[in-house]
Amino acid sequence: MPDGDIFGTHSQLAHIAWIGVAALAINLPLGYLREGTRKLSLLWFLYVHLSVPLIAYLRIANHVSAWAIPPFIACALLGQVAGGRVRRIRHKRT
């Protein structure tokens, strides 16, 4: 980053944005699946952490700074919570 800005250039910001959206989108179905498993079971851990290698790959392949990791974690967490909430709402209706 030649200008010293921790957020990078506009293209880097675009990469950060789409990786964040991808983290959220990937974690929606994983959160849905996680909600149906016993807490802290092997499947629960799998559903929580399955997206991490993909998100890390996207960050590294697009040369996105490590400063962007906290927003990616927040997007992944939001996807997990939203997916779990969708499952709870759908099961209350039936």
PDB file of N, CA and C in Angstrom:
ATOM      1  N   MET A   1       0.845  -1.176   0.000  1.00  0.00           N
ATOM      2  CA  MET A   1       0.000   0.000   0.000  1.00  0.00           C
ATOM      3  C   MET A   1       0.890   1.239   0.000  1.00  0.00           C
ATOM      4  N   PRO A   2       1.085   1.841  -1.134  1.00  0.00           N
ATOM      5  CA  PRO A   2       2.028   2.939  -1.231  1.00  0.00           C
ATOM      6  C   PRO A   2       1.625   4.190  -0.466  1.00  0.00           C
ATOM      7  N   ASP A   3       0.344   4.439  -0.289  1.00  0.00           N
ATOM      8  CA  ASP A   3      -0.059   5.668   0.379  1.00  0.00           C
ATOM      9  C   ASP A   3      -0.118   5.532   1.896  1.00  0.00           C
ATOM     10  N   GLY A   4       0.124   4.342   2.422  1.00  0.00           N
ATOM     11  CA  GLY A   4       0.137   4.141   3.869  1.00  0.00           C
ATOM     12  C   GLY A   4      -1.235   3.952   4.476  1.00  0.00           C
ATOM     13  N   ASP A   5      -2.268   3.936   3.658  1.00  0.00           N
ATOM     14  CA  ASP A   5      -3.626   3.751   4.148  1.00  0.00           C
ATOM     15  C   ASP A   5      -3.834   2.279   4.508  1.00  0.00           C
ATOM     16  N   ILE A   6      -4.288   1.982   5.725  1.00  0.00           N
ATOM     17  CA  ILE A   6      -4.440   0.588   6.140  1.00  0.00           C
ATOM     18  C   ILE A   6      -5.559  -0.108   5.377  1.00  0.00           C
ATOM     19  N   PHE A   7      -6.488   0.642   4.801  1.00  0.00           N
ATOM     20  CA  PHE A   7      -7.585   0.035   4.063  1.00  0.00           C
ATOM     21  C   PHE A   7      -7.228  -0.235   2.610  1.00  0.00           C
ATOM     22  N   GLY A   8      -6.162   0.328   2.108  1.00  0.00           N
ATOM     23  CA  GLY A   8      -5.697   0.046   0.757  1.00  0.00           C
ATOM     24  C   GLY A   8      -6.396   0.877  -0.298  1.00  0.00           C
ATOM     25  N   THR A   9      -6.232   0.441  -1.535  1.00  0.00           N
ATOM     26  CA  THR A   9      -6.802   1.151  -2.680  1.00  0.00           C
ATOM     27  C   THR A   9      -8.277   0.791  -2.848  1.00  0.00           C
ATOM     28  N   HIS A  10      -8.896   1.454  -3.825  1.00  0.00           N
ATOM     29  CA  HIS A  10     -10.318   1.169  -4.079  1.00  0.00           C
ATOM     30  C   HIS A  10     -10.531  -0.276  -4.511  1.00  0.00           C
ATOM     31  N   SER A  11      -9.609  -0.823  -5.318  1.00  0.00           N
ATOM     32  CA  SER A  11      -9.778  -2.214  -5.740  1.00  0.00           C
ATOM     33  C   SER A  11      -9.620  -3.160  -4.551  1.00  0.00           C
ATOM     34  N   GLN A  12      -8.729  -2.824  -3.614  1.00  0.00           N
ATOM     35  CA  GLN A  12      -8.590  -3.647  -2.420  1.00  0.00           C
ATOM     36  C   GLN A  12      -9.844  -3.557  -1.560  1.00  0.00           C
ATOM     37  N   LEU A  13     -10.440  -2.383  -1.481  1.00  0.00           N
ATOM     38  CA  LEU A  13     -11.694  -2.244  -0.740  1.00  0.00           C
ATOM     39  C   LEU A  13     -12.800  -3.067  -1.391  1.00  0.00           C
ATOM     40  N   ALA A  14     -12.802  -3.118  -2.716  1.00  0.00           N
ATOM     41  CA  ALA A  14     -13.789  -3.939  -3.414  1.00  0.00           C
ATOM     42  C   ALA A  14     -13.568  -5.421  -3.093  1.00  0.00           C
ATOM     43  N   HIS A  15     -12.306  -5.842  -3.050  1.00  0.00           N
ATOM     44  CA  HIS A  15     -12.004  -7.231  -2.678  1.00  0.00           C
ATOM     45  C   HIS A  15     -12.458  -7.521  -1.258  1.00  0.00           C
ATOM     46  N   ILE A  16     -12.192  -6.587  -0.351  1.00  0.00           N
ATOM     47  CA  ILE A  16     -12.612  -6.766   1.041  1.00  0.00           C
ATOM     48  C   ILE A  16     -14.129  -6.897   1.109  1.00  0.00           C
ATOM     49  N   ALA A  17     -14.834  -6.054   0.366  1.00  0.00           N
ATOM     50  CA  ALA A  17     -16.299  -6.084   0.392  1.00  0.00           C
ATOM     51  C   ALA A  17     -16.836  -7.407  -0.127  1.00  0.00           C
ATOM     52  N   TRP A  18     -16.327  -7.877  -1.267  1.00  0.00           N
ATOM     53  CA  TRP A  18     -16.904  -9.108  -1.809  1.00  0.00           C
ATOM     54  C   TRP A  18     -16.484 -10.327  -1.022  1.00  0.00           C
ATOM     55  N   ILE A  19     -15.307 -10.314  -0.415  1.00  0.00           N
ATOM     56  CA  ILE A  19     -14.926 -11.433   0.445  1.00  0.00           C
ATOM     57  C   ILE A  19     -15.804 -11.439   1.704  1.00  0.00           C
ATOM     58  N   GLY A  20     -16.122 -10.265   2.217  1.00  0.00           N
ATOM     59  CA  GLY A  20     -17.033 -10.175   3.364  1.00  0.00           C
ATOM     60  C   GLY A  20     -18.416 -10.698   3.027  1.00  0.00           C
ATOM     61  N   VAL A  21     -18.916 -10.338   1.857  1.00  0.00           N
ATOM     62  CA  VAL A  21     -20.228 -10.839   1.414  1.00  0.00           C
ATOM     63  C   VAL A  21     -20.173 -12.351   1.225  1.00  0.00           C
ATOM     64  N   ALA A  22     -19.064 -12.843   0.664  1.00  0.00           N
ATOM     65  CA  ALA A  22     -18.907 -14.288   0.488  1.00  0.00           C
ATOM     66  C   ALA A  22     -18.877 -14.994   1.843  1.00  0.00           C
ATOM     67  N   ALA A  23     -18.174 -14.416   2.823  1.00  0.00           N
ATOM     68  CA  ALA A  23     -18.111 -15.010   4.161  1.00  0.00           C
ATOM     69  C   ALA A  23     -19.501 -15.100   4.771  1.00  0.00           C
ATOM     70  N   LEU A  24     -20.287 -14.044   4.603  1.00  0.00           N
ATOM     71  CA  LEU A  24     -21.649 -14.054   5.125  1.00  0.00           C
ATOM     72  C   LEU A  24     -22.498 -15.100   4.397  1.00  0.00           C
ATOM     73  N   ALA A  25     -22.420 -15.120   3.075  1.00  0.00           N
ATOM     74  CA  ALA A  25     -23.247 -16.033   2.285  1.00  0.00           C
ATOM     75  C   ALA A  25     -22.886 -17.498   2.539  1.00  0.00           C
ATOM     76  N   ILE A  26     -21.616 -17.792   2.673  1.00  0.00           N
ATOM     77  CA  ILE A  26     -21.183 -19.167   2.931  1.00  0.00           C
ATOM     78  C   ILE A  26     -21.653 -19.631   4.303  1.00  0.00           C
ATOM     79  N   ASN A  27     -21.660 -18.720   5.264  1.00  0.00           N
ATOM     80  CA  ASN A  27     -21.996 -19.098   6.633  1.00  0.00           C
ATOM     81  C   ASN A  27     -23.489 -19.152   6.903  1.00  0.00           C
ATOM     82  N   LEU A  28     -24.321 -18.620   6.032  1.00  0.00           N
ATOM     83  CA  LEU A  28     -25.775 -18.737   6.228  1.00  0.00           C
ATOM     84  C   LEU A  28     -26.217 -20.203   6.269  1.00  0.00           C
ATOM     85  N   PRO A  29     -25.901 -21.005   5.245  1.00  0.00           N
ATOM     86  CA  PRO A  29     -26.322 -22.414   5.332  1.00  0.00           C
ATOM     87  C   PRO A  29     -25.578 -23.186   6.418  1.00  0.00           C
ATOM     88  N   LEU A  30     -24.322 -22.814   6.676  1.00  0.00           N
ATOM     89  CA  LEU A  30     -23.584 -23.500   7.740  1.00  0.00           C
ATOM     90  C   LEU A  30     -24.203 -23.207   9.109  1.00  0.00           C
ATOM     91  N   GLY A  31     -24.655 -21.980   9.323  1.00  0.00           N
ATOM     92  CA  GLY A  31     -25.334 -21.640  10.568  1.00  0.00           C
ATOM     93  C   GLY A  31     -26.659 -22.365  10.698  1.00  0.00           C
ATOM     94  N   TYR A  32     -27.347 -22.522   9.567  1.00  0.00           N
ATOM     95  CA  TYR A  32     -28.608 -23.268   9.549  1.00  0.00           C
ATOM     96  C   TYR A  32     -28.361 -24.718   9.970  1.00  0.00           C
ATOM     97  N   LEU A  33     -27.331 -25.327   9.404  1.00  0.00           N
ATOM     98  CA  LEU A  33     -26.991 -26.708   9.748  1.00  0.00           C
ATOM     99  C   LEU A  33     -26.501 -26.827  11.194  1.00  0.00           C
ATOM    100  N   ARG A  34     -25.691 -25.866  11.611  1.00  0.00           N
ATOM    101  CA  ARG A  34     -25.151 -25.875  12.978  1.00  0.00           C
ATOM    102  C   ARG A  34     -26.254 -25.846  14.018  1.00  0.00           C
ATOM    103  N   GLU A  35     -27.303 -25.106  13.748  1.00  0.00           N
ATOM    104  CA  GLU A  35     -28.403 -24.971  14.706  1.00  0.00           C
ATOM    105  C   GLU A  35     -29.073 -26.311  14.982  1.00  0.00           C
ATOM    106  N   GLY A  36     -28.985 -27.252  14.030  1.00  0.00           N
ATOM    107  CA  GLY A  36     -29.621 -28.549  14.217  1.00  0.00           C
ATOM    108  C   GLY A  36     -28.739 -29.591  14.884  1.00  0.00           C
ATOM    109  N   THR A  37     -27.551 -29.199  15.326  1.00  0.00           N
ATOM    110  CA  THR A  37     -26.642 -30.162  15.950  1.00  0.00           C
ATOM    111  C   THR A  37     -26.480 -29.844  17.434  1.00  0.00           C
ATOM    112  N   ARG A  38     -25.981 -30.844  18.163  1.00  0.00           N
ATOM    113  CA  ARG A  38     -25.722 -30.660  19.592  1.00  0.00           C
ATOM    114  C   ARG A  38     -24.544 -29.710  19.769  1.00  0.00           C
ATOM    115  N   LYS A  39     -24.688 -28.743  20.657  1.00  0.00           N
ATOM    116  CA  LYS A  39     -23.651 -27.747  20.875  1.00  0.00           C
ATOM    117  C   LYS A  39     -22.333 -28.405  21.295  1.00  0.00           C
ATOM    118  N   LEU A  40     -21.246 -27.933  20.694  1.00  0.00           N
ATOM    119  CA  LEU A  40     -19.873 -28.373  20.942  1.00  0.00           C
ATOM    120  C   LEU A  40     -19.594 -29.799  20.472  1.00  0.00           C
ATOM    121  N   SER A  41     -20.481 -30.366  19.643  1.00  0.00           N
ATOM    122  CA  SER A  41     -20.222 -31.678  19.063  1.00  0.00           C
ATOM    123  C   SER A  41     -19.248 -31.517  17.895  1.00  0.00           C
ATOM    124  N   LEU A  42     -18.786 -32.640  17.349  1.00  0.00           N
ATOM    125  CA  LEU A  42     -17.856 -32.601  16.226  1.00  0.00           C
ATOM    126  C   LEU A  42     -18.485 -31.904  15.016  1.00  0.00           C
ATOM    127  N   LEU A  43     -19.741 -32.224  14.708  1.00  0.00           N
ATOM    128  CA  LEU A  43     -20.421 -31.567  13.589  1.00  0.00           C
ATOM    129  C   LEU A  43     -20.597 -30.065  13.839  1.00  0.00           C
ATOM    130  N   TRP A  44     -20.879 -29.689  15.068  1.00  0.00           N
ATOM    131  CA  TRP A  44     -21.042 -28.276  15.424  1.00  0.00           C
ATOM    132  C   TRP A  44     -19.750 -27.522  15.107  1.00  0.00           C
ATOM    133  N   PHE A  45     -18.601 -28.065  15.536  1.00  0.00           N
ATOM    134  CA  PHE A  45     -17.309 -27.440  15.253  1.00  0.00           C
ATOM    135  C   PHE A  45     -17.030 -27.406  13.757  1.00  0.00           C
ATOM    136  N   LEU A  46     -17.396 -28.462  13.050  1.00  0.00           N
ATOM    137  CA  LEU A  46     -17.197 -28.508  11.610  1.00  0.00           C
ATOM    138  C   LEU A  46     -17.982 -27.386  10.931  1.00  0.00           C
ATOM    139  N   TYR A  47     -19.253 -27.233  11.275  1.00  0.00           N
ATOM    140  CA  TYR A  47     -20.077 -26.194  10.661  1.00  0.00           C
ATOM    141  C   TYR A  47     -19.591 -24.787  11.006  1.00  0.00           C
ATOM    142  N   VAL A  48     -19.062 -24.613  12.199  1.00  0.00           N
ATOM    143  CA  VAL A  48     -18.565 -23.293  12.601  1.00  0.00           C
ATOM    144  C   VAL A  48     -17.281 -22.942  11.853  1.00  0.00           C
ATOM    145  N   HIS A  49     -16.416 -23.922  11.628  1.00  0.00           N
ATOM    146  CA  HIS A  49     -15.087 -23.635  11.091  1.00  0.00           C
ATOM    147  C   HIS A  49     -14.891 -24.011   9.625  1.00  0.00           C
ATOM    148  N   LEU A  50     -15.861 -24.594   8.987  1.00  0.00           N
ATOM    149  CA  LEU A  50     -15.698 -25.074   7.618  1.00  0.00           C
ATOM    150  C   LEU A  50     -15.375 -23.958   6.625  1.00  0.00           C
ATOM    151  N   SER A  51     -15.868 -22.775   6.843  1.00  0.00           N
ATOM    152  CA  SER A  51     -15.650 -21.679   5.899  1.00  0.00           C
ATOM    153  C   SER A  51     -14.290 -21.000   6.067  1.00  0.00           C
ATOM    154  N   VAL A  52     -13.609 -21.238   7.164  1.00  0.00           N
ATOM    155  CA  VAL A  52     -12.357 -20.520   7.456  1.00  0.00           C
ATOM    156  C   VAL A  52     -11.296 -20.726   6.375  1.00  0.00           C
ATOM    157  N   PRO A  53     -11.012 -21.964   5.938  1.00  0.00           N
ATOM    158  CA  PRO A  53      -9.984 -22.109   4.895  1.00  0.00           C
ATOM    159  C   PRO A  53     -10.337 -21.391   3.587  1.00  0.00           C
ATOM    160  N   LEU A  54     -11.608 -21.414   3.209  1.00  0.00           N
ATOM    161  CA  LEU A  54     -12.014 -20.740   1.979  1.00  0.00           C
ATOM    162  C   LEU A  54     -11.850 -19.225   2.099  1.00  0.00           C
ATOM    163  N   ILE A  55     -12.272 -18.668   3.204  1.00  0.00           N
ATOM    164  CA  ILE A  55     -12.151 -17.221   3.408  1.00  0.00           C
ATOM    165  C   ILE A  55     -10.672 -16.827   3.464  1.00  0.00           C
ATOM    166  N   ALA A  56      -9.855 -17.635   4.131  1.00  0.00           N
ATOM    167  CA  ALA A  56      -8.414 -17.353   4.188  1.00  0.00           C
ATOM    168  C   ALA A  56      -7.807 -17.415   2.793  1.00  0.00           C
ATOM    169  N   TYR A  57      -8.201 -18.421   2.001  1.00  0.00           N
ATOM    170  CA  TYR A  57      -7.701 -18.522   0.639  1.00  0.00           C
ATOM    171  C   TYR A  57      -8.084 -17.284  -0.180  1.00  0.00           C
ATOM    172  N   LEU A  58      -9.338 -16.863  -0.092  1.00  0.00           N
ATOM    173  CA  LEU A  58      -9.786 -15.684  -0.835  1.00  0.00           C
ATOM    174  C   LEU A  58      -8.996 -14.446  -0.429  1.00  0.00           C
ATOM    175  N   ARG A  59      -8.729 -14.295   0.865  1.00  0.00           N
ATOM    176  CA  ARG A  59      -7.959 -13.138   1.343  1.00  0.00           C
ATOM    177  C   ARG A  59      -6.539 -13.169   0.797  1.00  0.00           C
ATOM    178  N   ILE A  60      -5.896 -14.308   0.886  1.00  0.00           N
ATOM    179  CA  ILE A  60      -4.498 -14.410   0.448  1.00  0.00           C
ATOM    180  C   ILE A  60      -4.396 -14.304  -1.071  1.00  0.00           C
ATOM    181  N   ALA A  61      -5.285 -14.976  -1.799  1.00  0.00           N
ATOM    182  CA  ALA A  61      -5.239 -14.960  -3.261  1.00  0.00           C
ATOM    183  C   ALA A  61      -5.491 -13.567  -3.829  1.00  0.00           C
ATOM    184  N   ASN A  62      -6.242 -12.744  -3.116  1.00  0.00           N
ATOM    185  CA  ASN A  62      -6.545 -11.393  -3.578  1.00  0.00           C
ATOM    186  C   ASN A  62      -5.640 -10.341  -2.949  1.00  0.00           C
ATOM    187  N   HIS A  63      -4.612 -10.789  -2.243  1.00  0.00           N
ATOM    188  CA  HIS A  63      -3.617  -9.905  -1.625  1.00  0.00           C
ATOM    189  C   HIS A  63      -4.254  -8.861  -0.708  1.00  0.00           C
ATOM    190  N   VAL A  64      -5.195  -9.322   0.097  1.00  0.00           N
ATOM    191  CA  VAL A  64      -5.877  -8.449   1.046  1.00  0.00           C
ATOM    192  C   VAL A  64      -5.114  -8.498   2.375  1.00  0.00           C
ATOM    193  N   SER A  65      -4.902  -7.350   2.957  1.00  0.00           N
ATOM    194  CA  SER A  65      -4.135  -7.224   4.193  1.00  0.00           C
ATOM    195  C   SER A  65      -4.786  -7.977   5.356  1.00  0.00           C
ATOM    196  N   ALA A  66      -3.961  -8.366   6.304  1.00  0.00           N
ATOM    197  CA  ALA A  66      -4.459  -9.035   7.509  1.00  0.00           C
ATOM    198  C   ALA A  66      -5.348  -8.107   8.333  1.00  0.00           C
ATOM    199  N   TRP A  67      -5.284  -6.814   8.080  1.00  0.00           N
ATOM    200  CA  TRP A  67      -6.160  -5.871   8.778  1.00  0.00           C
ATOM    201  C   TRP A  67      -7.628  -6.157   8.483  1.00  0.00           C
ATOM    202  N   ALA A  68      -7.908  -6.856   7.414  1.00  0.00           N
ATOM    203  CA  ALA A  68      -9.291  -7.135   7.028  1.00  0.00           C
ATOM    204  C   ALA A  68      -9.848  -8.384   7.705  1.00  0.00           C
ATOM    205  N   ILE A  69      -9.045  -9.097   8.451  1.00  0.00           N
ATOM    206  CA  ILE A  69      -9.523 -10.327   9.081  1.00  0.00           C
ATOM    207  C   ILE A  69     -10.679 -10.064  10.057  1.00  0.00           C
ATOM    208  N   PRO A  70     -10.616  -9.061  10.939  1.00  0.00           N
ATOM    209  CA  PRO A  70     -11.759  -8.836  11.853  1.00  0.00           C
ATOM    210  C   PRO A  70     -13.095  -8.598  11.148  1.00  0.00           C
ATOM    211  N   PRO A  71     -13.148  -7.798  10.070  1.00  0.00           N
ATOM    212  CA  PRO A  71     -14.443  -7.694   9.378  1.00  0.00           C
ATOM    213  C   PRO A  71     -14.909  -9.011   8.769  1.00  0.00           C
ATOM    214  N   PHE A  72     -13.973  -9.833   8.295  1.00  0.00           N
ATOM    215  CA  PHE A  72     -14.358 -11.139   7.749  1.00  0.00           C
ATOM    216  C   PHE A  72     -14.924 -12.027   8.842  1.00  0.00           C
ATOM    217  N   ILE A  73     -14.329 -11.987  10.016  1.00  0.00           N
ATOM    218  CA  ILE A  73     -14.851 -12.764  11.149  1.00  0.00           C
ATOM    219  C   ILE A  73     -16.252 -12.278  11.504  1.00  0.00           C
ATOM    220  N   ALA A  74     -16.440 -10.960  11.504  1.00  0.00           N
ATOM    221  CA  ALA A  74     -17.756 -10.403  11.821  1.00  0.00           C
ATOM    222  C   ALA A  74     -18.798 -10.842  10.792  1.00  0.00           C
ATOM    223  N   CYS A  75     -18.434 -10.839   9.515  1.00  0.00           N
ATOM    224  CA  CYS A  75     -19.365 -11.284   8.469  1.00  0.00           C
ATOM    225  C   CYS A  75     -19.699 -12.761   8.628  1.00  0.00           C
ATOM    226  N   ALA A  76     -18.684 -13.572   8.930  1.00  0.00           N
ATOM    227  CA  ALA A  76     -18.919 -15.009   9.123  1.00  0.00           C
ATOM    228  C   ALA A  76     -19.823 -15.246  10.327  1.00  0.00           C
ATOM    229  N   LEU A  77     -19.577 -14.537  11.407  1.00  0.00           N
ATOM    230  CA  LEU A  77     -20.393 -14.658  12.610  1.00  0.00           C
ATOM    231  C   LEU A  77     -21.829 -14.234  12.333  1.00  0.00           C
ATOM    232  N   LEU A  78     -21.993 -13.150  11.615  1.00  0.00           N
ATOM    233  CA  LEU A  78     -23.334 -12.694  11.255  1.00  0.00           C
ATOM    234  C   LEU A  78     -24.065 -13.740  10.423  1.00  0.00           C
ATOM    235  N   GLY A  79     -23.364 -14.371   9.485  1.00  0.00           N
ATOM    236  CA  GLY A  79     -23.971 -15.432   8.679  1.00  0.00           C
ATOM    237  C   GLY A  79     -24.373 -16.624   9.525  1.00  0.00           C
ATOM    238  N   GLN A  80     -23.523 -17.012  10.479  1.00  0.00           N
ATOM    239  CA  GLN A  80     -23.841 -18.130  11.373  1.00  0.00           C
ATOM    240  C   GLN A  80     -25.085 -17.817  12.203  1.00  0.00           C
ATOM    241  N   VAL A  81     -25.128 -16.644  12.775  1.00  0.00           N
ATOM    242  CA  VAL A  81     -26.260 -16.256  13.629  1.00  0.00           C
ATOM    243  C   VAL A  81     -27.548 -16.171  12.806  1.00  0.00           C
ATOM    244  N   ALA A  82     -27.462 -15.550  11.630  1.00  0.00           N
ATOM    245  CA  ALA A  82     -28.655 -15.415  10.790  1.00  0.00           C
ATOM    246  C   ALA A  82     -29.155 -16.781  10.315  1.00  0.00           C
ATOM    247  N   GLY A  83     -28.239 -17.664   9.921  1.00  0.00           N
ATOM    248  CA  GLY A  83     -28.639 -18.998   9.492  1.00  0.00           C
ATOM    249  C   GLY A  83     -29.296 -19.777  10.614  1.00  0.00           C
ATOM    250  N   GLY A  84     -28.746 -19.674  11.828  1.00  0.00           N
ATOM    251  CA  GLY A  84     -29.351 -20.339  12.981  1.00  0.00           C
ATOM    252  C   GLY A  84     -30.727 -19.789  13.305  1.00  0.00           C
ATOM    253  N   ARG A  85     -30.867 -18.486  13.163  1.00  0.00           N
ATOM    254  CA  ARG A  85     -32.168 -17.856  13.437  1.00  0.00           C
ATOM    255  C   ARG A  85     -33.214 -18.303  12.413  1.00  0.00           C
ATOM    256  N   VAL A  86     -32.812 -18.409  11.158  1.00  0.00           N
ATOM    257  CA  VAL A  86     -33.741 -18.882  10.121  1.00  0.00           C
ATOM    258  C   VAL A  86     -34.238 -20.278  10.472  1.00  0.00           C
ATOM    259  N   ARG A  87     -33.337 -21.142  10.911  1.00  0.00           N
ATOM    260  CA  ARG A  87     -33.744 -22.514  11.257  1.00  0.00           C
ATOM    261  C   ARG A  87     -34.712 -22.507  12.442  1.00  0.00           C
ATOM    262  N   ARG A  88     -34.421 -21.706  13.463  1.00  0.00           N
ATOM    263  CA  ARG A  88     -35.322 -21.651  14.629  1.00  0.00           C
ATOM    264  C   ARG A  88     -36.690 -21.143  14.224  1.00  0.00           C
ATOM    265  N   ILE A  89     -36.755 -20.130  13.392  1.00  0.00           N
ATOM    266  CA  ILE A  89     -38.039 -19.570  12.946  1.00  0.00           C
ATOM    267  C   ILE A  89     -38.797 -20.593  12.113  1.00  0.00           C
ATOM    268  N   ARG A  90     -38.112 -21.276  11.206  1.00  0.00           N
ATOM    269  CA  ARG A  90     -38.786 -22.271  10.351  1.00  0.00           C
ATOM    270  C   ARG A  90     -39.319 -23.427  11.176  1.00  0.00           C
ATOM    271  N   HIS A  91     -38.603 -23.845  12.208  1.00  0.00           N
ATOM    272  CA  HIS A  91     -39.055 -24.978  13.018  1.00  0.00           C
ATOM    273  C   HIS A  91     -40.157 -24.588  13.992  1.00  0.00           C
ATOM    274  N   LYS A  92     -40.270 -23.324  14.356  1.00  0.00           N
ATOM    275  CA  LYS A  92     -41.380 -22.880  15.187  1.00  0.00           C
ATOM    276  C   LYS A  92     -42.687 -22.911  14.417  1.00  0.00           C
ATOM    277  N   ARG A  93     -42.604 -22.670  13.120  1.00  0.00           N
ATOM    278  CA  ARG A  93     -43.812 -22.630  12.282  1.00  0.00           C
ATOM    279  C   ARG A  93     -44.380 -24.013  12.032  1.00  0.00           C
ATOM    280  N   THR A  94     -43.563 -25.050  12.139  1.00  0.00           N
ATOM    281  CA  THR A  94     -44.074 -26.397  11.826  1.00  0.00           C
ATOM    282  C   THR A  94     -44.506 -27.144  13.044  1.00  0.00           C
TER     283      THR A  94
END
